[in-house]
Amino acid sequence: MGRNQAKDLPLPERDWVERFLGYLTLEKRCSPYTTRNYEHAAVNFFTWIRRQEKWMGDVEGISGRLVRDFIIDSKRKVSTRTVHNHVSALRSLFQYLMKIEVATSNPFKGLTLPKLPKSLPRILTRKQMVQFLEAPLLPLKKEGIDLPEIPKSVKAEAARDSLILEILYGGGLRVSELVGLNFGMIETRRGIAKVLGKGGKERLCPLGKRAIDCLREYRDEHATARGFDDPIFTGKKGNRMRAREVQLMVKKYLEIAKLPMDLSPHKIRHSFATHMLDNGADLRLVQELLGHASLSTTQIYTHVGIGRLKEAHKKAHPRA
């Protein structure tokens, strides 16, 4: 579904959802990605409930029984994690409807949801990460091609993409944070980026020497606009890159590096965190670098390290 899904809803649901989306954007300062997902969950729910004979169009008529029927039906169509994400969005929606006195209760509060399968985040090994980070420059090193003969636009794209991967891995940034970077948000002397994270919260992220060297090279040799408020990463038309463009770019270099194609930009962030912890970084420091509100969110990366230790023990120890 595209944006503006709510406009296809009948009243009063359309009004409820549009007011909620305005609240998310203007007051909560949610990212466009989060707002779009919440909109999708709301439209999906109200489309479903309109088909139920038990509902008469009144917000107070959305009972716990109806909500449970919705979850049961959803489980047949989407993953358990998607069900959890939709319920979280709908719980926020009805909390807002209570705030503006449209609803008197939240039918999504206190629900028992199906358990999520326990899975550890996929990461690249350090060796795979080196292959991946070198991938943007591989097309420039083809045998028989002299570097001066390569078009300037091709060199610029390779330099930009190399910088993107170095910053994603060097700073552990989310893709939305990466594409939001302007030149004035990075102090090259100290090697630090001022990042605008979830909920508009600012944090400082060290980027590493390699990322800063790539930035200087890209800025000085390839960037067409490098003012304080100019975006670092732009597309072919000169507009700020979108998260989707970065996702497609990552797939391109995974293929070039002959790495698993199911990896995403967020897996680079997982790799950053795991490699930091493997090398002895403090868990709370990694939490701060990632911009996690809760330590429990960061703790999953310790399990990745423990999992690898157990596997090594199993293979090497005679009593394992």
Foldseek 3Di string as FASTA:
>chain_A
DDPPPLVPDDPPLSVLLVVVLCCCCPPLVADPVLSRLLSVLSSVLRVVVVPDPQDDRAPASCALVVVVVVLVVVVVPDPLVSSVSSLVSLQSSVVVCVVVPSDVDRSSPPDDGDDDDDDFFDADDPVLLVLLLCLLCVVCPDPPDDNVPDDLVSVLVSLLLSLLSLQCQQQLEDLVFLLQDALLQADLVQQWGFTQDGSRDTAITRRDDVSSVSQVCSLVRPDPDRDNNQGSDDDPVRHRDDSVVSQVSSLVSCVSSVHDSVDGSNNSSLHNLLVCVVVPHDLVVNCRSNVPPDSVVSCSSVVVVVVVVVVVCVVPPPVD
